[in-house]
C-alpha atoms as a PDB file:
ATOM      1  CA  MET A   1    -147.981  89.151 195.533  1.00  0.00           C
ATOM      2  CA  LYS A   2    -151.442  90.567 196.162  1.00  0.00           C
ATOM      3  CA  GLN A   3    -151.857  91.316 192.435  1.00  0.00           C
ATOM      4  CA  ILE A   4    -150.903  87.738 191.557  1.00  0.00           C
ATOM      5  CA  ILE A   5    -153.489  86.358 194.001  1.00  0.00           C
ATOM      6  CA  LEU A   6    -156.185  88.668 192.600  1.00  0.00           C
ATOM      7  CA  PHE A   7    -155.337  87.628 189.030  1.00  0.00           C
ATOM      8  CA  ASP A   8    -155.321  83.959 190.076  1.00  0.00           C
ATOM      9  CA  LYS A   9    -158.818  84.217 191.551  1.00  0.00           C
ATOM     10  CA  TRP A  10    -160.109  86.202 188.559  1.00  0.00           C
ATOM     11  CA  LEU A  11    -158.733  83.627 186.103  1.00  0.00           C
ATOM     12  CA  PHE A  12    -160.066  80.725 188.173  1.00  0.00           C
ATOM     13  CA  LEU A  13    -163.582  82.190 188.177  1.00  0.00           C
ATOM     14  CA  LYS A  14    -163.391  82.842 184.419  1.00  0.00           C
ATOM     15  CA  LEU A  15    -162.415  79.247 183.694  1.00  0.00           C
ATOM     16  CA  ASN A  16    -164.617  77.668 186.358  1.00  0.00           C
ATOM     17  CA  ALA A  17    -167.819  79.606 185.705  1.00  0.00           C
ATOM     18  CA  GLU A  18    -167.832  81.572 182.453  1.00  0.00           C
ATOM     19  CA  TYR A  19    -165.954  79.139 180.227  1.00  0.00           C
ATOM     20  CA  ARG A  20    -167.269  75.914 181.653  1.00  0.00           C
ATOM     21  CA  ASN A  21    -168.289  73.209 179.259  1.00  0.00           C
ATOM     22  CA  GLN A  22    -170.979  70.576 179.872  1.00  0.00           C
ATOM     23  CA  LEU A  23    -168.989  67.930 178.009  1.00  0.00           C
ATOM     24  CA  PHE A  24    -165.877  68.500 180.138  1.00  0.00           C
ATOM     25  CA  ASP A  25    -168.016  68.776 183.294  1.00  0.00           C
ATOM     26  CA  PHE A  26    -169.242  65.265 182.495  1.00  0.00           C
ATOM     27  CA  ILE A  27    -165.936  63.722 181.343  1.00  0.00           C
ATOM     28  CA  MET A  28    -163.328  65.194 183.689  1.00  0.00           C
ATOM     29  CA  PRO A  29    -164.453  63.496 186.938  1.00  0.00           C
ATOM     30  CA  PHE A  30    -164.025  60.140 185.170  1.00  0.00           C
ATOM     31  CA  ILE A  31    -160.638  61.065 183.714  1.00  0.00           C
ATOM     32  CA  ARG A  32    -159.374  62.155 187.136  1.00  0.00           C
ATOM     33  CA  ASN A  33    -160.554  58.902 188.742  1.00  0.00           C
ATOM     34  CA  PRO A  34    -157.499  56.667 189.316  1.00  0.00           C
ATOM     35  CA  TYR A  35    -159.565  53.498 188.857  1.00  0.00           C
ATOM     36  CA  VAL A  36    -160.288  54.487 185.246  1.00  0.00           C
ATOM     37  CA  TRP A  37    -156.547  54.415 184.539  1.00  0.00           C
ATOM     38  CA  ALA A  38    -155.802  51.200 186.477  1.00  0.00           C
ATOM     39  CA  PRO A  39    -155.974  48.961 183.354  1.00  0.00           C
ATOM     40  CA  LEU A  40    -153.398  51.179 181.604  1.00  0.00           C
ATOM     41  CA  TYR A  41    -151.104  51.085 184.641  1.00  0.00           C
ATOM     42  CA  ILE A  42    -151.404  47.297 184.869  1.00  0.00           C
ATOM     43  CA  PHE A  43    -150.757  46.957 181.126  1.00  0.00           C
ATOM     44  CA  ILE A  44    -147.607  49.118 181.298  1.00  0.00           C
ATOM     45  CA  ILE A  45    -146.284  47.252 184.340  1.00  0.00           C
ATOM     46  CA  ALA A  46    -146.942  43.886 182.660  1.00  0.00           C
ATOM     47  CA  LEU A  47    -145.397  45.051 179.371  1.00  0.00           C
ATOM     48  CA  VAL A  48    -142.247  46.284 181.098  1.00  0.00           C
ATOM     49  CA  TRP A  49    -141.971  43.260 183.365  1.00  0.00           C
ATOM     50  CA  LEU A  50    -142.482  40.742 180.541  1.00  0.00           C
ATOM     51  CA  ASN A  51    -140.119  42.497 178.111  1.00  0.00           C
ATOM     52  CA  CYS A  52    -137.401  43.593 180.509  1.00  0.00           C
ATOM     53  CA  GLY A  53    -137.434  41.066 183.344  1.00  0.00           C
ATOM     54  CA  LYS A  54    -135.381  42.007 186.413  1.00  0.00           C
ATOM     55  CA  LYS A  55    -134.277  45.291 184.839  1.00  0.00           C
ATOM     56  CA  GLY A  56    -137.940  46.136 184.250  1.00  0.00           C
ATOM     57  CA  THR A  57    -138.799  45.360 187.858  1.00  0.00           C
ATOM     58  CA  TRP A  58    -136.221  47.909 189.007  1.00  0.00           C
ATOM     59  CA  TRP A  59    -137.501  50.411 186.464  1.00  0.00           C
ATOM     60  CA  ILE A  60    -141.041  50.034 187.849  1.00  0.00           C
ATOM     61  CA  ILE A  61    -139.716  50.473 191.401  1.00  0.00           C
ATOM     62  CA  TYR A  62    -137.991  53.689 190.286  1.00  0.00           C
ATOM     63  CA  ILE A  63    -141.288  54.964 188.870  1.00  0.00           C
ATOM     64  CA  PHE A  64    -142.852  54.549 192.312  1.00  0.00           C
ATOM     65  CA  ILE A  65    -139.841  56.258 193.902  1.00  0.00           C
ATOM     66  CA  THR A  66    -140.204  59.142 191.419  1.00  0.00           C
ATOM     67  CA  ALA A  67    -143.880  59.540 192.345  1.00  0.00           C
ATOM     68  CA  GLY A  68    -142.951  59.437 196.025  1.00  0.00           C
ATOM     69  CA  PHE A  69    -140.332  62.162 195.639  1.00  0.00           C
ATOM     70  CA  THR A  70    -142.557  64.436 193.564  1.00  0.00           C
ATOM     71  CA  ASP A  71    -145.336  64.010 196.117  1.00  0.00           C
ATOM     72  CA  LEU A  72    -142.949  64.712 199.001  1.00  0.00           C
ATOM     73  CA  ILE A  73    -141.573  67.863 197.368  1.00  0.00           C
ATOM     74  CA  SER A  74    -145.038  69.111 196.415  1.00  0.00           C
ATOM     75  CA  SER A  75    -146.899  68.269 199.638  1.00  0.00           C
ATOM     76  CA  GLN A  76    -144.264  68.713 202.311  1.00  0.00           C
ATOM     77  CA  ILE A  77    -142.087  71.509 200.924  1.00  0.00           C
ATOM     78  CA  ILE A  78    -143.818  73.691 198.313  1.00  0.00           C
ATOM     79  CA  LYS A  79    -147.435  73.657 199.584  1.00  0.00           C
ATOM     80  CA  PRO A  80    -146.534  74.766 203.135  1.00  0.00           C
ATOM     81  CA  MET A  81    -144.220  77.486 201.780  1.00  0.00           C
ATOM     82  CA  VAL A  82    -146.818  78.907 199.365  1.00  0.00           C
ATOM     83  CA  GLY A  83    -149.894  78.347 201.534  1.00  0.00           C
ATOM     84  CA  ARG A  84    -152.438  78.856 198.746  1.00  0.00           C
ATOM     85  CA  VAL A  85    -155.946  77.892 199.869  1.00  0.00           C
ATOM     86  CA  ARG A  86    -157.918  75.587 197.601  1.00  0.00           C
ATOM     87  CA  PRO A  87    -160.667  77.492 195.760  1.00  0.00           C
ATOM     88  CA  CYS A  88    -163.304  75.189 197.284  1.00  0.00           C
ATOM     89  CA  ASN A  89    -162.109  76.251 200.774  1.00  0.00           C
ATOM     90  CA  ASP A  90    -161.581  79.948 200.007  1.00  0.00           C
ATOM     91  CA  PRO A  91    -164.165  82.106 201.856  1.00  0.00           C
ATOM     92  CA  GLU A  92    -163.958  84.766 199.106  1.00  0.00           C
ATOM     93  CA  LEU A  93    -165.002  82.224 196.475  1.00  0.00           C
ATOM     94  CA  LEU A  94    -167.673  80.461 198.540  1.00  0.00           C
ATOM     95  CA  GLY A  95    -170.795  79.972 196.438  1.00  0.00           C
ATOM     96  CA  LYS A  96    -168.993  80.939 193.218  1.00  0.00           C
ATOM     97  CA  VAL A  97    -167.097  77.687 192.649  1.00  0.00           C
ATOM     98  CA  ASN A  98    -168.510  74.992 190.368  1.00  0.00           C
ATOM     99  CA  LEU A  99    -167.460  71.779 192.148  1.00  0.00           C
ATOM    100  CA  LEU A 100    -167.517  68.616 190.057  1.00  0.00           C
ATOM    101  CA  ALA A 101    -166.277  66.380 192.861  1.00  0.00           C
ATOM    102  CA  ALA A 102    -167.657  66.106 196.365  1.00  0.00           C
ATOM    103  CA  TYR A 103    -164.161  65.866 197.856  1.00  0.00           C
ATOM    104  CA  CYS A 104    -162.234  69.029 198.632  1.00  0.00           C
ATOM    105  CA  GLY A 105    -158.933  68.458 200.395  1.00  0.00           C
ATOM    106  CA  ALA A 106    -157.827  70.528 203.358  1.00  0.00           C
ATOM    107  CA  ASN A 107    -154.228  71.002 202.213  1.00  0.00           C
ATOM    108  CA  GLY A 108    -153.044  73.822 199.990  1.00  0.00           C
ATOM    109  CA  SER A 109    -153.644  73.824 196.276  1.00  0.00           C
ATOM    110  CA  PHE A 110    -150.266  74.925 194.937  1.00  0.00           C
ATOM    111  CA  THR A 111    -148.586  72.921 193.745  1.00  0.00           C
ATOM    112  CA  SER A 112    -150.925  70.196 192.647  1.00  0.00           C
ATOM    113  CA  SER A 113    -149.409  66.968 193.936  1.00  0.00           C
ATOM    114  CA  HIS A 114    -151.586  65.121 191.438  1.00  0.00           C
ATOM    115  CA  ALA A 115    -150.011  67.083 188.585  1.00  0.00           C
ATOM    116  CA  ALA A 116    -146.496  66.858 190.029  1.00  0.00           C
ATOM    117  CA  ASN A 117    -146.720  63.077 190.401  1.00  0.00           C
ATOM    118  CA  HIS A 118    -148.021  62.470 186.887  1.00  0.00           C
ATOM    119  CA  PHE A 119    -145.574  64.828 185.193  1.00  0.00           C
ATOM    120  CA  GLY A 120    -142.728  63.345 187.257  1.00  0.00           C
ATOM    121  CA  ILE A 121    -143.690  59.865 186.062  1.00  0.00           C
ATOM    122  CA  ALA A 122    -144.086  61.106 182.460  1.00  0.00           C
ATOM    123  CA  ALA A 123    -140.619  62.701 182.543  1.00  0.00           C
ATOM    124  CA  PHE A 124    -139.086  59.570 184.094  1.00  0.00           C
ATOM    125  CA  ILE A 125    -140.604  57.364 181.383  1.00  0.00           C
ATOM    126  CA  PHE A 126    -139.661  59.811 178.618  1.00  0.00           C
ATOM    127  CA  PHE A 127    -136.003  59.953 179.637  1.00  0.00           C
ATOM    128  CA  THR A 128    -135.458  56.339 180.701  1.00  0.00           C
ATOM    129  CA  ALA A 129    -137.714  54.119 178.577  1.00  0.00           C
ATOM    130  CA  GLY A 130    -135.090  53.622 175.883  1.00  0.00           C
ATOM    131  CA  SER A 131    -136.449  51.467 173.091  1.00  0.00           C
ATOM    132  CA  LEU A 132    -139.509  50.263 175.004  1.00  0.00           C
ATOM    133  CA  PHE A 133    -141.848  53.089 173.966  1.00  0.00           C
ATOM    134  CA  VAL A 134    -139.992  54.429 170.909  1.00  0.00           C
ATOM    135  CA  GLY A 135    -142.078  57.013 169.118  1.00  0.00           C
ATOM    136  CA  TYR A 136    -144.699  57.012 171.882  1.00  0.00           C
ATOM    137  CA  ARG A 137    -142.844  58.372 174.909  1.00  0.00           C
ATOM    138  CA  TRP A 138    -144.184  61.900 174.359  1.00  0.00           C
ATOM    139  CA  LEU A 139    -147.738  60.544 174.836  1.00  0.00           C
ATOM    140  CA  PHE A 140    -147.020  60.207 178.552  1.00  0.00           C
ATOM    141  CA  PHE A 141    -146.875  64.020 178.781  1.00  0.00           C
ATOM    142  CA  ILE A 142    -150.294  64.240 177.117  1.00  0.00           C
ATOM    143  CA  TRP A 143    -151.557  61.599 179.566  1.00  0.00           C
ATOM    144  CA  ALA A 144    -150.245  63.664 182.490  1.00  0.00           C
ATOM    145  CA  ALA A 145    -151.782  66.873 181.125  1.00  0.00           C
ATOM    146  CA  VAL A 146    -155.190  65.250 180.567  1.00  0.00           C
ATOM    147  CA  ILE A 147    -155.278  63.831 184.086  1.00  0.00           C
ATOM    148  CA  CYS A 148    -154.229  67.096 185.667  1.00  0.00           C
END
């Protein structure tokens, strides 16, 4: 396990410091901001509700339930078991981390609840959307990857 942790920190520092990119440093805080995506979320909810009626309402409720379960599993089960410290709170990495956001949570960093929630929603939409997003369902996985 010690070797995995050492590799994890080495790779993090490579990506965070050596391979950083000014364009991504500028763009990523916006992409990770939930308010940026609010119009898309509202559009999808309206599209589903208008095209599917009561069935669509239940489908939207199940999306929220999916996000709740993925968050519960990530935050309450996996994070406490793994106990990985966030790089911004790791004393060994202090002063070496390029922080793009002022906020640094106190909870563990593995798994990412943000990633788990978005990929859970993407998988739910992919497998249950039926004819609503034909040919476009795979884009939800790209959306989840970009946000995470």
